[in-house]
């Protein structure tokens, strides 16, 4: 059975791994999306406005995914390692800030608040 020190170390490494995954996803998506955007403009001569909107949506979705993964890392670290009232309150503040950032990105990218149903498109209703 692992010792408490090794279990704590394992949780720390796990949380760090989750944070690095979030950073890698954000950076990789920014690089790939930027390359696709530049190629769309330079090689395919696609419409600038349409290409830019697709680029913004890709970046926004990458940020949303990264924020969600970072919240998961914070939860793992706080619940497993430091479940004091002060740490839990700090976690709550981080979650509130990241949730607000996520909502702002969703509003910017999708054009509606996350809790609102998207506008109907072409008479087709999306199932939730």
Protein backbone atom coordinates (compact mmCIF):
# COMPACT_ATOMS: atom_id res chain seq x y z
CA UNK A 1 0.00 0.00 0.00
CA UNK A 2 1.49 3.38 -0.94
CA UNK A 3 2.49 5.77 1.76
CA UNK A 4 0.66 9.04 2.33
CA UNK A 5 3.62 11.02 0.96
CA UNK A 6 3.66 9.04 -2.29
CA UNK A 7 -0.12 9.41 -2.64
CA UNK A 8 0.17 13.18 -2.18
CA UNK A 9 2.98 13.28 -4.73
CA UNK A 10 0.87 11.25 -7.17
CA UNK A 11 -2.07 13.66 -6.81
CA UNK A 12 0.25 16.66 -7.32
CA UNK A 13 1.67 15.10 -10.48
CA UNK A 14 -1.83 14.24 -11.70
CA UNK A 15 -3.06 17.80 -11.19
CA UNK A 16 0.05 19.13 -12.94
CA UNK A 17 -0.54 16.70 -15.81
CA UNK A 18 -4.13 17.89 -16.17
CA UNK A 19 -2.97 21.53 -16.22
CA UNK A 20 -0.32 20.74 -18.82
CA UNK A 21 -2.95 18.97 -20.93
CA UNK A 22 -5.12 22.10 -20.84
CA UNK A 23 -2.20 24.32 -21.83
CA UNK A 24 -1.13 21.94 -24.61
CA UNK A 25 -4.69 21.81 -26.01
CA UNK A 26 -5.01 25.58 -26.02
CA UNK A 27 -1.59 26.15 -27.62
CA UNK A 28 -2.03 23.37 -30.20
CA UNK A 29 -5.46 24.62 -31.18
CA UNK A 30 -4.19 28.19 -31.53
CA UNK A 31 -1.34 27.02 -33.75
CA UNK A 32 -3.48 24.73 -35.92
CA UNK A 33 -6.35 27.23 -36.17
CA UNK A 34 -3.97 30.02 -37.14
CA UNK A 35 -2.36 27.83 -39.81
CA UNK A 36 -5.78 26.86 -41.21
CA UNK A 37 -6.86 30.51 -41.21
CA UNK A 38 -3.73 31.67 -43.04
CA UNK A 39 -4.00 28.87 -45.61
CA UNK A 40 -7.69 29.63 -46.14
CA UNK A 41 -6.85 33.25 -46.88
CA UNK A 42 -3.62 32.80 -48.82
CA UNK A 43 -4.11 29.59 -50.78
CA UNK A 44 -7.83 29.07 -51.09
CA UNK A 45 -8.71 32.78 -51.26
CA UNK A 46 -11.80 32.21 -49.14
CA UNK A 47 -14.00 34.98 -47.89
CA UNK A 48 -12.16 36.92 -45.16
CA UNK A 49 -15.20 37.47 -42.94
CA UNK A 50 -16.26 33.82 -43.07
CA UNK A 51 -12.72 32.57 -42.46
CA UNK A 52 -12.29 34.96 -39.55
CA UNK A 53 -15.54 33.81 -37.91
CA UNK A 54 -14.49 30.16 -38.18
CA UNK A 55 -11.09 31.12 -36.73
CA UNK A 56 -12.72 32.92 -33.77
CA UNK A 57 -15.03 29.96 -33.09
CA UNK A 58 -12.11 27.52 -33.06
CA UNK A 59 -10.12 29.72 -30.69
CA UNK A 60 -13.12 30.25 -28.43
CA UNK A 61 -13.85 26.53 -28.22
CA UNK A 62 -10.20 25.83 -27.40
CA UNK A 63 -10.32 28.37 -24.59
CA UNK A 64 -13.56 26.88 -23.26
CA UNK A 65 -12.13 23.39 -23.24
CA UNK A 66 -8.92 24.62 -21.60
CA UNK A 67 -10.83 26.47 -18.88
CA UNK A 68 -12.92 23.40 -18.11
CA UNK A 69 -9.85 21.21 -17.84
CA UNK A 70 -8.10 23.77 -15.60
CA UNK A 71 -11.11 23.78 -13.28
CA UNK A 72 -10.84 19.98 -13.09
CA UNK A 73 -7.17 20.26 -12.13
CA UNK A 74 -8.00 22.77 -9.40
CA UNK A 75 -10.73 20.51 -8.04
CA UNK A 76 -8.41 17.49 -7.95
CA UNK A 77 -5.69 19.45 -6.21
CA UNK A 78 -7.97 21.10 -3.65
CA UNK A 79 -10.17 18.13 -2.76
CA UNK A 80 -7.33 15.63 -2.53
CA UNK A 81 -4.58 17.75 -1.00
CA UNK A 82 -5.88 20.80 0.81
CA UNK A 83 -9.49 20.54 1.89
CA UNK A 84 -9.30 23.37 4.41
CA UNK A 85 -12.03 25.99 4.42
CA UNK A 86 -9.62 28.60 3.05
CA UNK A 87 -8.58 26.33 0.15
CA UNK A 88 -12.18 25.46 -0.67
CA UNK A 89 -13.16 29.15 -0.66
CA UNK A 90 -10.21 29.89 -2.96
CA UNK A 91 -11.33 27.06 -5.24
CA UNK A 92 -14.85 28.47 -5.25
CA UNK A 93 -13.55 31.89 -6.26
CA UNK A 94 -11.45 30.35 -9.05
CA UNK A 95 -14.42 28.36 -10.32
CA UNK A 96 -16.63 31.47 -10.28
CA UNK A 97 -14.02 33.50 -12.21
CA UNK A 98 -13.42 30.73 -14.75
CA UNK A 99 -17.16 30.16 -15.15
CA UNK A 100 -17.68 33.85 -15.85
CA UNK A 101 -14.83 33.74 -18.40
CA UNK A 102 -16.40 30.67 -20.02
CA UNK A 103 -19.79 32.35 -20.24
CA UNK A 104 -18.16 35.42 -21.79
CA UNK A 105 -16.40 33.30 -24.40
CA UNK A 106 -19.61 31.39 -25.20
CA UNK A 107 -21.48 34.66 -25.62
CA UNK A 108 -18.75 36.03 -27.88
CA UNK A 109 -18.39 32.88 -30.00
CA UNK A 110 -21.95 31.55 -30.15
CA UNK A 111 -23.90 34.79 -29.76
CA UNK A 112 -26.10 33.63 -26.87
CA UNK A 113 -25.75 32.89 -23.17
CA UNK A 114 -24.94 29.27 -22.26
CA UNK A 115 -28.25 28.77 -20.42
CA UNK A 116 -30.34 30.08 -23.32
CA UNK A 117 -31.44 27.84 -26.13
CA UNK A 118 -29.72 28.71 -29.42
CA UNK A 119 -31.90 30.43 -31.98
CA UNK A 120 -33.70 28.10 -34.33
CA UNK A 121 -31.93 27.65 -37.62
CA UNK A 122 -33.93 26.95 -40.73
CA UNK A 123 -36.93 25.69 -38.80
CA UNK A 124 -34.96 22.80 -37.32
CA UNK A 125 -35.06 22.57 -33.55
CA UNK A 126 -32.06 21.14 -31.75
CA UNK A 127 -32.70 18.47 -29.16
CA UNK A 128 -31.13 19.06 -25.75
